[in-house]
Amino acid sequence: MESLHQRRHWVFDLDGTLTRPVHDFAHIRHELGLAPEADILATLAQRPEPQRSRLYAQLDELERHYAIRAEPAPGLLPLFQWLSSRNCCFGILTRNSRELALLSLQAIGVAPYFDPAFVLGRDEAQPKPDPGGLQHLLASWCIGPGDALMVGDFRYDLEAGRNAGLMTVHVDSREDRHWPELTDLRVQDLCELHALLQRTVPAGH
Protein backbone atom coordinates (compact mmCIF):
# COMPACT_ATOMS: atom_id res chain seq x y z
CA MET A 1 0.00 0.00 0.00
CA GLU A 2 2.06 2.86 -1.35
CA SER A 3 -0.04 5.51 0.37
CA LEU A 4 1.48 4.42 3.69
CA HIS A 5 4.81 5.77 2.51
CA GLN A 6 3.38 9.16 1.62
CA ARG A 7 2.61 9.77 5.30
CA ARG A 8 5.49 10.56 7.61
CA HIS A 9 3.40 11.57 10.64
CA TRP A 10 2.13 8.61 12.63
CA VAL A 11 -0.38 9.00 15.46
CA PHE A 12 -0.90 5.97 17.67
CA ASP A 13 -3.36 4.87 20.27
CA LEU A 14 -1.42 3.52 23.23
CA ASP A 15 -3.04 0.73 25.25
CA GLY A 16 -3.62 -2.41 23.21
CA THR A 17 -1.91 -0.86 20.18
CA LEU A 18 1.66 -0.18 21.28
CA THR A 19 1.29 -2.26 24.45
CA ARG A 20 0.03 -5.75 25.05
CA PRO A 21 -3.62 -5.48 26.12
CA VAL A 22 -3.58 -5.69 29.92
CA HIS A 23 -6.31 -3.31 31.06
CA ASP A 24 -9.15 -5.08 32.83
CA PHE A 25 -11.89 -2.59 31.98
CA ALA A 26 -14.55 -4.70 33.69
CA HIS A 27 -12.57 -4.41 36.94
CA ILE A 28 -12.04 -0.67 36.43
CA ARG A 29 -15.78 -0.11 35.89
CA HIS A 30 -16.59 -2.21 38.94
CA GLU A 31 -14.15 -0.27 41.13
CA LEU A 32 -15.64 3.01 39.92
CA GLY A 33 -19.20 1.79 40.42
CA LEU A 34 -20.10 2.03 36.73
CA ALA A 35 -22.38 -0.10 34.59
CA PRO A 36 -20.65 -3.03 32.81
CA GLU A 37 -20.73 -1.45 29.33
CA ALA A 38 -20.43 2.21 30.34
CA ASP A 39 -18.07 4.55 28.50
CA ILE A 40 -15.82 5.34 31.47
CA LEU A 41 -14.79 8.90 30.57
CA ALA A 42 -18.22 9.96 29.28
CA THR A 43 -19.87 8.64 32.43
CA LEU A 44 -17.42 10.33 34.79
CA ALA A 45 -17.79 13.63 32.94
CA GLN A 46 -21.51 13.61 33.73
CA ARG A 47 -21.07 13.08 37.46
CA PRO A 48 -21.47 16.12 39.75
CA GLU A 49 -18.65 17.55 41.81
CA PRO A 50 -17.03 16.61 44.11
CA GLN A 51 -17.83 13.04 43.08
CA ARG A 52 -16.40 13.59 39.58
CA SER A 53 -12.98 14.68 40.82
CA ARG A 54 -12.85 11.80 43.29
CA LEU A 55 -13.65 9.27 40.57
CA TYR A 56 -11.07 10.74 38.19
CA ALA A 57 -8.43 10.46 40.93
CA GLN A 58 -9.46 6.87 41.52
CA LEU A 59 -9.26 6.18 37.78
CA ASP A 60 -5.74 7.64 37.67
CA GLU A 61 -4.61 5.25 40.38
CA LEU A 62 -6.20 2.25 38.67
CA GLU A 63 -4.56 3.19 35.36
CA ARG A 64 -1.19 3.83 37.04
CA HIS A 65 -1.22 0.18 38.12
CA TYR A 66 -1.36 -0.86 34.46
CA ALA A 67 0.96 1.86 33.13
CA ILE A 68 3.97 0.79 35.15
CA ARG A 69 3.39 -2.82 34.11
CA ALA A 70 3.02 -2.07 30.39
CA GLU A 71 4.72 -4.50 28.01
CA PRO A 72 5.53 -3.74 24.36
CA ALA A 73 3.28 -5.18 21.69
CA PRO A 74 5.02 -7.75 19.46
CA GLY A 75 7.09 -6.05 16.78
CA LEU A 76 6.99 -2.62 18.43
CA LEU A 77 10.70 -1.78 18.56
CA PRO A 78 11.61 -2.97 15.03
CA LEU A 79 8.68 -0.97 13.63
CA PHE A 80 9.75 2.23 15.40
CA GLN A 81 13.37 1.76 14.42
CA TRP A 82 12.33 1.39 10.78
CA LEU A 83 9.96 4.37 10.81
CA SER A 84 12.50 6.51 12.64
CA SER A 85 15.12 5.67 10.02
CA ARG A 86 12.75 7.23 7.48
CA ASN A 87 12.47 10.44 9.56
CA CYS A 88 8.89 9.84 10.59
CA CYS A 89 7.31 11.90 13.37
CA PHE A 90 5.23 10.29 16.11
CA GLY A 91 2.27 11.31 18.23
CA ILE A 92 0.02 9.64 20.80
CA LEU A 93 -3.69 10.21 21.24
CA THR A 94 -4.97 8.34 24.29
CA ARG A 95 -7.90 8.43 26.65
CA ASN A 96 -5.40 8.04 29.52
CA SER A 97 -3.70 10.98 31.17
CA ARG A 98 -0.52 12.30 29.56
CA GLU A 99 1.47 11.52 32.71
CA LEU A 100 0.50 7.86 32.60
CA ALA A 101 0.97 7.69 28.83
CA LEU A 102 4.56 8.90 29.22
CA LEU A 103 5.06 6.33 31.97
CA SER A 104 3.82 3.56 29.67
CA LEU A 105 6.02 4.74 26.78
CA GLN A 106 9.00 4.58 29.11
CA ALA A 107 8.03 1.09 30.28
CA ILE A 108 7.79 -0.28 26.73
CA GLY A 109 11.03 1.33 25.57
CA VAL A 110 9.88 3.86 22.97
CA ALA A 111 9.76 7.09 25.02
CA PRO A 112 12.84 8.50 23.18
CA TYR A 113 10.86 8.51 19.92
CA PHE A 114 8.21 10.89 21.29
CA ASP A 115 8.23 14.60 21.99
CA PRO A 116 6.00 14.89 25.09
CA ALA A 117 4.26 17.84 23.43
CA PHE A 118 2.86 15.39 20.90
CA VAL A 119 1.54 12.98 23.53
CA LEU A 120 -2.06 14.00 24.11
CA GLY A 121 -4.17 12.57 26.91
CA ARG A 122 -7.65 13.25 28.16
CA ASP A 123 -6.63 16.59 29.69
CA GLU A 124 -5.06 17.88 26.45
CA ALA A 125 -7.85 16.88 24.04
CA GLN A 126 -11.44 15.74 24.03
CA PRO A 127 -11.54 11.93 24.25
CA LYS A 128 -11.66 9.92 21.04
CA PRO A 129 -13.70 9.61 18.83
CA ASP A 130 -13.61 13.41 18.92
CA PRO A 131 -11.11 14.51 16.22
CA GLY A 132 -9.82 17.53 18.16
CA GLY A 133 -6.64 15.87 19.35
CA LEU A 134 -5.70 14.83 15.83
CA GLN A 135 -6.48 18.28 14.48
CA HIS A 136 -4.25 19.77 17.19
CA LEU A 137 -1.38 17.50 16.16
CA LEU A 138 -1.84 18.36 12.47
CA ALA A 139 -1.71 22.07 13.32
CA SER A 140 1.38 21.55 15.51
CA TRP A 141 3.13 19.77 12.66
CA CYS A 142 1.86 22.29 10.05
CA ILE A 143 0.54 19.50 7.84
CA GLY A 144 -2.74 18.44 6.29
CA PRO A 145 -4.70 15.22 6.93
CA GLY A 146 -3.18 13.58 3.86
CA ASP A 147 0.25 13.61 5.49
CA ALA A 148 -0.72 11.62 8.59
CA LEU A 149 -2.40 8.44 9.71
CA MET A 150 -4.07 7.09 12.85
CA VAL A 151 -3.20 3.64 14.18
CA GLY A 152 -5.31 1.94 16.83
CA ASP A 153 -7.06 -1.19 18.04
CA PHE A 154 -10.57 0.11 18.78
CA ARG A 155 -13.35 1.82 16.90
CA TYR A 156 -12.84 5.09 18.79
CA ASP A 157 -9.35 5.34 17.24
CA LEU A 158 -10.69 4.68 13.78
CA GLU A 159 -13.63 7.06 14.20
CA ALA A 160 -11.31 9.82 15.37
CA GLY A 161 -9.10 9.25 12.34
CA ARG A 162 -12.06 9.27 9.98
CA ASN A 163 -13.49 12.40 11.62
CA ALA A 164 -10.16 14.19 11.10
CA GLY A 165 -9.72 12.97 7.52
CA LEU A 166 -6.72 10.73 8.24
CA MET A 167 -5.87 7.32 6.84
CA THR A 168 -6.75 4.70 9.47
CA VAL A 169 -4.90 1.51 10.38
CA HIS A 170 -6.66 -1.05 12.57
CA VAL A 171 -4.30 -3.34 14.52
CA ASP A 172 -6.19 -6.35 15.85
CA SER A 173 -6.50 -10.07 15.22
CA ARG A 174 -9.97 -10.59 16.67
CA GLU A 175 -12.73 -11.07 14.12
CA ASP A 176 -15.40 -9.70 16.45
CA ARG A 177 -13.59 -6.35 16.46
CA HIS A 178 -13.71 -5.50 12.79
CA TRP A 179 -14.97 -2.14 11.49
CA PRO A 180 -14.30 -2.14 7.74
CA GLU A 181 -16.30 1.04 7.15
CA LEU A 182 -13.82 2.91 9.35
CA THR A 183 -10.64 1.14 8.27
CA ASP A 184 -8.26 1.77 5.37
CA LEU A 185 -5.83 -0.98 6.37
CA ARG A 186 -6.23 -3.83 8.84
CA VAL A 187 -3.29 -5.83 10.17
CA GLN A 188 -3.06 -8.60 12.75
CA ASP A 189 -0.27 -6.92 14.70
CA LEU A 190 2.66 -4.51 14.43
CA CYS A 191 4.84 -7.28 12.98
CA GLU A 192 2.50 -7.53 10.00
CA LEU A 193 2.44 -3.74 9.63
CA HIS A 194 6.25 -3.62 9.63
CA ALA A 195 6.47 -6.45 7.08
CA LEU A 196 3.94 -4.69 4.85
CA LEU A 197 5.91 -1.46 4.99
CA GLN A 198 9.12 -3.26 4.06
CA ARG A 199 7.48 -5.13 1.18
CA THR A 200 5.83 -2.10 -0.35
CA VAL A 201 8.51 0.54 0.11
CA PRO A 202 8.80 2.45 -3.21
CA ALA A 203 11.92 1.90 -5.27
CA GLY A 204 14.72 4.33 -4.47
CA HIS A 205 13.55 4.95 -0.89
C-alpha atoms as a PDB file:
ATOM      1  CA  MET A   1       0.000   0.000   0.000  1.00  0.00           C
ATOM      2  CA  GLU A   2       2.064   2.858  -1.348  1.00  0.00           C
ATOM      3  CA  SER A   3      -0.045   5.514   0.374  1.00  0.00           C
ATOM      4  CA  LEU A   4       1.484   4.418   3.685  1.00  0.00           C
ATOM      5  CA  HIS A   5       4.815   5.767   2.509  1.00  0.00           C
ATOM      6  CA  GLN A   6       3.375   9.156   1.625  1.00  0.00           C
ATOM      7  CA  ARG A   7       2.610   9.774   5.299  1.00  0.00           C
ATOM      8  CA  ARG A   8       5.487  10.556   7.611  1.00  0.00           C
ATOM      9  CA  HIS A   9       3.404  11.569  10.640  1.00  0.00           C
ATOM     10  CA  TRP A  10       2.130   8.614  12.626  1.00  0.00           C
ATOM     11  CA  VAL A  11      -0.383   9.000  15.456  1.00  0.00           C
ATOM     12  CA  PHE A  12      -0.900   5.968  17.671  1.00  0.00           C
ATOM     13  CA  ASP A  13      -3.356   4.872  20.271  1.00  0.00           C
ATOM     14  CA  LEU A  14      -1.418   3.516  23.230  1.00  0.00           C
ATOM     15  CA  ASP A  15      -3.037   0.726  25.252  1.00  0.00           C
ATOM     16  CA  GLY A  16      -3.618  -2.411  23.205  1.00  0.00           C
ATOM     17  CA  THR A  17      -1.913  -0.863  20.177  1.00  0.00           C
ATOM     18  CA  LEU A  18       1.665  -0.180  21.284  1.00  0.00           C
ATOM     19  CA  THR A  19       1.289  -2.258  24.452  1.00  0.00           C
ATOM     20  CA  ARG A  20       0.034  -5.749  25.052  1.00  0.00           C
ATOM     21  CA  PRO A  21      -3.623  -5.482  26.119  1.00  0.00           C
ATOM     22  CA  VAL A  22      -3.579  -5.695  29.918  1.00  0.00           C
ATOM     23  CA  HIS A  23      -6.311  -3.308  31.058  1.00  0.00           C
ATOM     24  CA  ASP A  24      -9.154  -5.077  32.834  1.00  0.00           C
ATOM     25  CA  PHE A  25     -11.887  -2.589  31.979  1.00  0.00           C
ATOM     26  CA  ALA A  26     -14.546  -4.697  33.694  1.00  0.00           C
ATOM     27  CA  HIS A  27     -12.566  -4.413  36.938  1.00  0.00           C
ATOM     28  CA  ILE A  28     -12.044  -0.667  36.435  1.00  0.00           C
ATOM     29  CA  ARG A  29     -15.775  -0.106  35.885  1.00  0.00           C
ATOM     30  CA  HIS A  30     -16.585  -2.215  38.945  1.00  0.00           C
ATOM     31  CA  GLU A  31     -14.150  -0.275  41.132  1.00  0.00           C
ATOM     32  CA  LEU A  32     -15.639   3.008  39.919  1.00  0.00           C
ATOM     33  CA  GLY A  33     -19.199   1.787  40.424  1.00  0.00           C
ATOM     34  CA  LEU A  34     -20.097   2.029  36.735  1.00  0.00           C
ATOM     35  CA  ALA A  35     -22.375  -0.102  34.587  1.00  0.00           C
ATOM     36  CA  PRO A  36     -20.650  -3.032  32.810  1.00  0.00           C
ATOM     37  CA  GLU A  37     -20.732  -1.448  29.331  1.00  0.00           C
ATOM     38  CA  ALA A  38     -20.426   2.212  30.341  1.00  0.00           C
ATOM     39  CA  ASP A  39     -18.067   4.554  28.502  1.00  0.00           C
ATOM     40  CA  ILE A  40     -15.821   5.343  31.472  1.00  0.00           C
ATOM     41  CA  LEU A  41     -14.793   8.901  30.566  1.00  0.00           C
ATOM     42  CA  ALA A  42     -18.220   9.961  29.279  1.00  0.00           C
ATOM     43  CA  THR A  43     -19.874   8.636  32.427  1.00  0.00           C
ATOM     44  CA  LEU A  44     -17.423  10.328  34.788  1.00  0.00           C
ATOM     45  CA  ALA A  45     -17.787  13.625  32.938  1.00  0.00           C
ATOM     46  CA  GLN A  46     -21.510  13.605  33.728  1.00  0.00           C
ATOM     47  CA  ARG A  47     -21.067  13.081  37.461  1.00  0.00           C
ATOM     48  CA  PRO A  48     -21.466  16.117  39.750  1.00  0.00           C
ATOM     49  CA  GLU A  49     -18.647  17.546  41.808  1.00  0.00           C
ATOM     50  CA  PRO A  50     -17.026  16.613  44.114  1.00  0.00           C
ATOM     51  CA  GLN A  51     -17.832  13.038  43.079  1.00  0.00           C
ATOM     52  CA  ARG A  52     -16.404  13.589  39.582  1.00  0.00           C
ATOM     53  CA  SER A  53     -12.979  14.685  40.818  1.00  0.00           C
ATOM     54  CA  ARG A  54     -12.852  11.799  43.291  1.00  0.00           C
ATOM     55  CA  LEU A  55     -13.652   9.273  40.568  1.00  0.00           C
ATOM     56  CA  TYR A  56     -11.067  10.744  38.187  1.00  0.00           C
ATOM     57  CA  ALA A  57      -8.433  10.464  40.931  1.00  0.00           C
ATOM     58  CA  GLN A  58      -9.456   6.869  41.520  1.00  0.00           C
ATOM     59  CA  LEU A  59      -9.257   6.179  37.778  1.00  0.00           C
ATOM     60  CA  ASP A  60      -5.744   7.643  37.666  1.00  0.00           C
ATOM     61  CA  GLU A  61      -4.614   5.246  40.384  1.00  0.00           C
ATOM     62  CA  LEU A  62      -6.202   2.248  38.669  1.00  0.00           C
ATOM     63  CA  GLU A  63      -4.555   3.188  35.364  1.00  0.00           C
ATOM     64  CA  ARG A  64      -1.194   3.829  37.039  1.00  0.00           C
ATOM     65  CA  HIS A  65      -1.224   0.178  38.116  1.00  0.00           C
ATOM     66  CA  TYR A  66      -1.359  -0.856  34.458  1.00  0.00           C
ATOM     67  CA  ALA A  67       0.959   1.864  33.128  1.00  0.00           C
ATOM     68  CA  ILE A  68       3.970   0.789  35.152  1.00  0.00           C
ATOM     69  CA  ARG A  69       3.389  -2.823  34.105  1.00  0.00           C
ATOM     70  CA  ALA A  70       3.025  -2.074  30.391  1.00  0.00           C
ATOM     71  CA  GLU A  71       4.718  -4.499  28.014  1.00  0.00           C
ATOM     72  CA  PRO A  72       5.528  -3.739  24.357  1.00  0.00           C
ATOM     73  CA  ALA A  73       3.280  -5.180  21.694  1.00  0.00           C
ATOM     74  CA  PRO A  74       5.023  -7.752  19.462  1.00  0.00           C
ATOM     75  CA  GLY A  75       7.085  -6.049  16.784  1.00  0.00           C
ATOM     76  CA  LEU A  76       6.989  -2.617  18.433  1.00  0.00           C
ATOM     77  CA  LEU A  77      10.697  -1.781  18.563  1.00  0.00           C
ATOM     78  CA  PRO A  78      11.606  -2.965  15.028  1.00  0.00           C
ATOM     79  CA  LEU A  79       8.684  -0.966  13.630  1.00  0.00           C
ATOM     80  CA  PHE A  80       9.747   2.230  15.400  1.00  0.00           C
ATOM     81  CA  GLN A  81      13.368   1.755  14.424  1.00  0.00           C
ATOM     82  CA  TRP A  82      12.328   1.386  10.784  1.00  0.00           C
ATOM     83  CA  LEU A  83       9.960   4.367  10.805  1.00  0.00           C
ATOM     84  CA  SER A  84      12.496   6.513  12.639  1.00  0.00           C
ATOM     85  CA  SER A  85      15.122   5.671  10.021  1.00  0.00           C
ATOM     86  CA  ARG A  86      12.750   7.233   7.481  1.00  0.00           C
ATOM     87  CA  ASN A  87      12.468  10.438   9.565  1.00  0.00           C
ATOM     88  CA  CYS A  88       8.887   9.840  10.591  1.00  0.00           C
ATOM     89  CA  CYS A  89       7.312  11.898  13.365  1.00  0.00           C
ATOM     90  CA  PHE A  90       5.227  10.287  16.108  1.00  0.00           C
ATOM     91  CA  GLY A  91       2.272  11.306  18.232  1.00  0.00           C
ATOM     92  CA  ILE A  92       0.022   9.643  20.802  1.00  0.00           C
ATOM     93  CA  LEU A  93      -3.692  10.207  21.240  1.00  0.00           C
ATOM     94  CA  THR A  94      -4.974   8.337  24.288  1.00  0.00           C
ATOM     95  CA  ARG A  95      -7.903   8.432  26.649  1.00  0.00           C
ATOM     96  CA  ASN A  96      -5.402   8.037  29.518  1.00  0.00           C
ATOM     97  CA  SER A  97      -3.702  10.983  31.171  1.00  0.00           C
ATOM     98  CA  ARG A  98      -0.516  12.302  29.557  1.00  0.00           C
ATOM     99  CA  GLU A  99       1.468  11.523  32.711  1.00  0.00           C
ATOM    100  CA  LEU A 100       0.497   7.857  32.597  1.00  0.00           C
ATOM    101  CA  ALA A 101       0.972   7.687  28.825  1.00  0.00           C
ATOM    102  CA  LEU A 102       4.559   8.900  29.221  1.00  0.00           C
ATOM    103  CA  LEU A 103       5.055   6.327  31.974  1.00  0.00           C
ATOM    104  CA  SER A 104       3.818   3.564  29.667  1.00  0.00           C
ATOM    105  CA  LEU A 105       6.021   4.737  26.782  1.00  0.00           C
ATOM    106  CA  GLN A 106       9.002   4.584  29.115  1.00  0.00           C
ATOM    107  CA  ALA A 107       8.032   1.092  30.284  1.00  0.00           C
ATOM    108  CA  ILE A 108       7.791  -0.283  26.726  1.00  0.00           C
ATOM    109  CA  GLY A 109      11.033   1.329  25.569  1.00  0.00           C
ATOM    110  CA  VAL A 110       9.876   3.864  22.971  1.00  0.00           C
ATOM    111  CA  ALA A 111       9.763   7.090  25.016  1.00  0.00           C
ATOM    112  CA  PRO A 112      12.843   8.503  23.182  1.00  0.00           C
ATOM    113  CA  TYR A 113      10.864   8.514  19.921  1.00  0.00           C
ATOM    114  CA  PHE A 114       8.211  10.894  21.294  1.00  0.00           C
ATOM    115  CA  ASP A 115       8.233  14.601  21.987  1.00  0.00           C
ATOM    116  CA  PRO A 116       6.001  14.885  25.091  1.00  0.00           C
ATOM    117  CA  ALA A 117       4.256  17.845  23.428  1.00  0.00           C
ATOM    118  CA  PHE A 118       2.859  15.385  20.898  1.00  0.00           C
ATOM    119  CA  VAL A 119       1.542  12.977  23.530  1.00  0.00           C
ATOM    120  CA  LEU A 120      -2.061  13.998  24.105  1.00  0.00           C
ATOM    121  CA  GLY A 121      -4.169  12.572  26.909  1.00  0.00           C
ATOM    122  CA  ARG A 122      -7.652  13.249  28.161  1.00  0.00           C
ATOM    123  CA  ASP A 123      -6.625  16.593  29.688  1.00  0.00           C
ATOM    124  CA  GLU A 124      -5.064  17.885  26.447  1.00  0.00           C
ATOM    125  CA  ALA A 125      -7.847  16.882  24.041  1.00  0.00           C
ATOM    126  CA  GLN A 126     -11.444  15.740  24.033  1.00  0.00           C
ATOM    127  CA  PRO A 127     -11.536  11.932  24.248  1.00  0.00           C
ATOM    128  CA  LYS A 128     -11.660   9.924  21.038  1.00  0.00           C
ATOM    129  CA  PRO A 129     -13.703   9.607  18.830  1.00  0.00           C
ATOM    130  CA  ASP A 130     -13.614  13.413  18.919  1.00  0.00           C
ATOM    131  CA  PRO A 131     -11.108  14.511  16.221  1.00  0.00           C
ATOM    132  CA  GLY A 132      -9.822  17.530  18.155  1.00  0.00           C
ATOM    133  CA  GLY A 133      -6.645  15.869  19.350  1.00  0.00           C
ATOM    134  CA  LEU A 134      -5.698  14.825  15.832  1.00  0.00           C
ATOM    135  CA  GLN A 135      -6.478  18.280  14.484  1.00  0.00           C
ATOM    136  CA  HIS A 136      -4.253  19.770  17.190  1.00  0.00           C
ATOM    137  CA  LEU A 137      -1.376  17.505  16.156  1.00  0.00           C
ATOM    138  CA  LEU A 138      -1.840  18.356  12.466  1.00  0.00           C
ATOM    139  CA  ALA A 139      -1.707  22.065  13.316  1.00  0.00           C
ATOM    140  CA  SER A 140       1.377  21.553  15.506  1.00  0.00           C
ATOM    141  CA  TRP A 141       3.129  19.767  12.658  1.00  0.00           C
ATOM    142  CA  CYS A 142       1.860  22.285  10.053  1.00  0.00           C
ATOM    143  CA  ILE A 143       0.544  19.497   7.835  1.00  0.00           C
ATOM    144  CA  GLY A 144      -2.744  18.435   6.291  1.00  0.00           C
ATOM    145  CA  PRO A 145      -4.703  15.222   6.932  1.00  0.00           C
ATOM    146  CA  GLY A 146      -3.185  13.583   3.861  1.00  0.00           C
ATOM    147  CA  ASP A 147       0.250  13.611   5.485  1.00  0.00           C
ATOM    148  CA  ALA A 148      -0.720  11.616   8.589  1.00  0.00           C
ATOM    149  CA  LEU A 149      -2.405   8.436   9.708  1.00  0.00           C
ATOM    150  CA  MET A 150      -4.070   7.088  12.849  1.00  0.00           C
ATOM    151  CA  VAL A 151      -3.198   3.641  14.181  1.00  0.00           C
ATOM    152  CA  GLY A 152      -5.313   1.944  16.833  1.00  0.00           C
ATOM    153  CA  ASP A 153      -7.055  -1.193  18.042  1.00  0.00           C
ATOM    154  CA  PHE A 154     -10.570   0.106  18.777  1.00  0.00           C
ATOM    155  CA  ARG A 155     -13.353   1.816  16.896  1.00  0.00           C
ATOM    156  CA  TYR A 156     -12.843   5.093  18.786  1.00  0.00           C
ATOM    157  CA  ASP A 157      -9.354   5.339  17.245  1.00  0.00           C
ATOM    158  CA  LEU A 158     -10.690   4.682  13.775  1.00  0.00           C
ATOM    159  CA  GLU A 159     -13.628   7.058  14.196  1.00  0.00           C
ATOM    160  CA  ALA A 160     -11.311   9.820  15.373  1.00  0.00           C
ATOM    161  CA  GLY A 161      -9.101   9.245  12.342  1.00  0.00           C
ATOM    162  CA  ARG A 162     -12.059   9.268   9.984  1.00  0.00           C
ATOM    163  CA  ASN A 163     -13.491  12.396  11.616  1.00  0.00           C
ATOM    164  CA  ALA A 164     -10.165  14.194  11.097  1.00  0.00           C
ATOM    165  CA  GLY A 165      -9.720  12.968   7.517  1.00  0.00           C
ATOM    166  CA  LEU A 166      -6.716  10.735   8.236  1.00  0.00           C
ATOM    167  CA  MET A 167      -5.872   7.323   6.838  1.00  0.00           C
ATOM    168  CA  THR A 168      -6.749   4.701   9.475  1.00  0.00           C
ATOM    169  CA  VAL A 169      -4.902   1.507  10.379  1.00  0.00           C
ATOM    170  CA  HIS A 170      -6.658  -1.054  12.568  1.00  0.00           C
ATOM    171  CA  VAL A 171      -4.301  -3.337  14.525  1.00  0.00           C
ATOM    172  CA  ASP A 172      -6.194  -6.351  15.854  1.00  0.00           C
ATOM    173  CA  SER A 173      -6.495 -10.071  15.221  1.00  0.00           C
ATOM    174  CA  ARG A 174      -9.974 -10.587  16.671  1.00  0.00           C
ATOM    175  CA  GLU A 175     -12.728 -11.070  14.119  1.00  0.00           C
ATOM    176  CA  ASP A 176     -15.400  -9.703  16.446  1.00  0.00           C
ATOM    177  CA  ARG A 177     -13.591  -6.347  16.459  1.00  0.00           C
ATOM    178  CA  HIS A 178     -13.706  -5.495  12.791  1.00  0.00           C
ATOM    179  CA  TRP A 179     -14.971  -2.143  11.494  1.00  0.00           C
ATOM    180  CA  PRO A 180     -14.304  -2.139   7.736  1.00  0.00           C
ATOM    181  CA  GLU A 181     -16.304   1.042   7.145  1.00  0.00           C
ATOM    182  CA  LEU A 182     -13.824   2.915   9.350  1.00  0.00           C
ATOM    183  CA  THR A 183     -10.638   1.136   8.275  1.00  0.00           C
ATOM    184  CA  ASP A 184      -8.257   1.770   5.370  1.00  0.00           C
ATOM    185  CA  LEU A 185      -5.831  -0.980   6.368  1.00  0.00           C
ATOM    186  CA  ARG A 186      -6.230  -3.833   8.835  1.00  0.00           C
ATOM    187  CA  VAL A 187      -3.286  -5.833  10.172  1.00  0.00           C
ATOM    188  CA  GLN A 188      -3.065  -8.601  12.752  1.00  0.00           C
ATOM    189  CA  ASP A 189      -0.268  -6.923  14.700  1.00  0.00           C
ATOM    190  CA  LEU A 190       2.658  -4.514  14.428  1.00  0.00           C
ATOM    191  CA  CYS A 191       4.836  -7.276  12.977  1.00  0.00           C
ATOM    192  CA  GLU A 192       2.501  -7.533   9.997  1.00  0.00           C
ATOM    193  CA  LEU A 193       2.436  -3.743   9.629  1.00  0.00           C
ATOM    194  CA  HIS A 194       6.249  -3.616   9.629  1.00  0.00           C
ATOM    195  CA  ALA A 195       6.469  -6.445   7.079  1.00  0.00           C
ATOM    196  CA  LEU A 196       3.940  -4.692   4.847  1.00  0.00           C
ATOM    197  CA  LEU A 197       5.908  -1.456   4.990  1.00  0.00           C
ATOM    198  CA  GLN A 198       9.117  -3.263   4.059  1.00  0.00           C
ATOM    199  CA  ARG A 199       7.482  -5.134   1.184  1.00  0.00           C
ATOM    200  CA  THR A 200       5.827  -2.103  -0.348  1.00  0.00           C
ATOM    201  CA  VAL A 201       8.508   0.542   0.109  1.00  0.00           C
ATOM    202  CA  PRO A 202       8.796   2.446  -3.213  1.00  0.00           C
ATOM    203  CA  ALA A 203      11.923   1.903  -5.274  1.00  0.00           C
ATOM    204  CA  GLY A 204      14.724   4.329  -4.466  1.00  0.00           C
ATOM    205  CA  HIS A 205      13.546   4.955  -0.890  1.00  0.00           C
END
